[in-house]
Amino acid sequence: MLTLAGAWAERTERVEEDKRQRRVATRLLDELVPPLAQARGTRTFARYDPAYAGSGPITRETIAHAMTALTEMDQVWQERDLP
């Protein structure tokens, strides 16, 4: 049987874990999305060279997944009425 103190401790852990995950997600998006937006309309994409890819070349499949992720992001922003 869970005591009141034990239940409170579990709740506190869940709240802290949620905060940690929100911080990690926010930092990740802060690092990825603005540079991608800044590359729009430039020759950045045309200059991509797989020979210089650090973590393996970007494939069309990777781009498709990124586009899906951005669509999902847009849906969440709309639902949350974010700018």
Protein backbone atom coordinates (compact mmCIF):
# COMPACT_ATOMS: atom_id res chain seq x y z
CA MET A 1 0.00 0.00 0.00
CA LEU A 2 1.29 3.43 -0.95
CA THR A 3 1.53 5.98 1.81
CA LEU A 4 0.61 9.62 1.36
CA ALA A 5 4.29 10.54 1.55
CA GLY A 6 5.13 7.86 -1.03
CA ALA A 7 2.37 9.05 -3.36
CA TRP A 8 3.60 12.64 -3.03
CA ALA A 9 7.16 11.56 -3.77
CA GLU A 10 6.02 9.72 -6.91
CA ARG A 11 4.04 12.74 -8.04
CA THR A 12 7.04 15.00 -7.45
CA GLU A 13 9.25 12.64 -9.50
CA ARG A 14 6.72 12.67 -12.36
CA VAL A 15 6.52 16.47 -12.30
CA GLU A 16 10.32 16.81 -12.30
CA GLU A 17 10.69 14.27 -15.11
CA ASP A 18 8.08 16.14 -17.15
CA LYS A 19 10.00 19.40 -16.62
CA ARG A 20 13.25 17.72 -17.66
CA GLN A 21 11.69 16.31 -20.82
CA ARG A 22 10.18 19.70 -21.71
CA ARG A 23 13.59 21.38 -21.24
CA VAL A 24 15.31 18.76 -23.45
CA ALA A 25 12.63 19.03 -26.16
CA THR A 26 12.72 22.82 -26.10
CA ARG A 27 16.52 22.93 -26.40
CA LEU A 28 16.46 20.44 -29.25
CA LEU A 29 13.88 22.42 -31.20
CA ASP A 30 15.70 25.68 -30.42
CA GLU A 31 18.85 24.20 -31.97
CA LEU A 32 17.22 22.65 -35.04
CA VAL A 33 14.33 24.74 -36.28
CA PRO A 34 15.74 28.30 -36.51
CA PRO A 35 18.79 27.29 -38.63
CA LEU A 36 16.53 25.30 -40.94
CA ALA A 37 14.23 28.30 -41.32
CA GLN A 38 17.22 30.56 -42.00
CA ALA A 39 18.41 28.24 -44.77
CA ARG A 40 15.11 28.68 -46.60
CA GLY A 41 15.59 30.60 -49.84
CA THR A 42 19.37 30.23 -49.80
CA ARG A 43 21.65 27.97 -51.80
CA THR A 44 22.43 25.91 -48.70
CA PHE A 45 20.51 22.87 -49.87
CA ALA A 46 22.00 23.00 -53.36
CA ARG A 47 25.50 23.00 -51.86
CA TYR A 48 24.99 19.88 -49.76
CA ASP A 49 27.75 17.34 -50.40
CA PRO A 50 27.41 13.80 -48.93
CA ALA A 51 31.20 13.52 -48.91
CA TYR A 52 31.29 16.03 -46.04
CA ALA A 53 28.42 14.50 -44.03
CA GLY A 54 29.55 13.96 -40.45
CA SER A 55 27.01 11.43 -39.23
CA GLY A 56 26.21 9.82 -42.54
CA PRO A 57 24.57 11.31 -45.61
CA ILE A 58 21.09 12.79 -45.49
CA THR A 59 18.73 10.74 -47.62
CA ARG A 60 15.38 11.56 -49.20
CA GLU A 61 13.83 9.33 -46.55
CA THR A 62 15.42 11.46 -43.81
CA ILE A 63 14.05 14.60 -45.48
CA ALA A 64 10.57 13.03 -45.67
CA HIS A 65 10.71 12.22 -41.94
CA ALA A 66 11.85 15.77 -41.18
CA MET A 67 8.95 17.17 -43.21
CA THR A 68 6.53 14.95 -41.29
CA ALA A 69 8.07 16.11 -38.00
CA LEU A 70 7.66 19.77 -39.01
CA THR A 71 4.03 19.12 -39.97
CA GLU A 72 3.45 17.52 -36.55
CA MET A 73 5.17 20.49 -34.92
CA ASP A 74 2.90 22.91 -36.79
CA GLN A 75 -0.19 20.98 -35.64
CA VAL A 76 0.92 21.15 -32.01
CA TRP A 77 1.65 24.89 -32.32
CA GLN A 78 -1.85 25.40 -33.76
CA GLU A 79 -3.47 23.34 -30.99
CA ARG A 80 -1.55 25.30 -28.32
CA ASP A 81 -2.20 28.62 -30.11
CA LEU A 82 1.52 29.41 -30.15
CA PRO A 83 2.89 32.11 -32.50
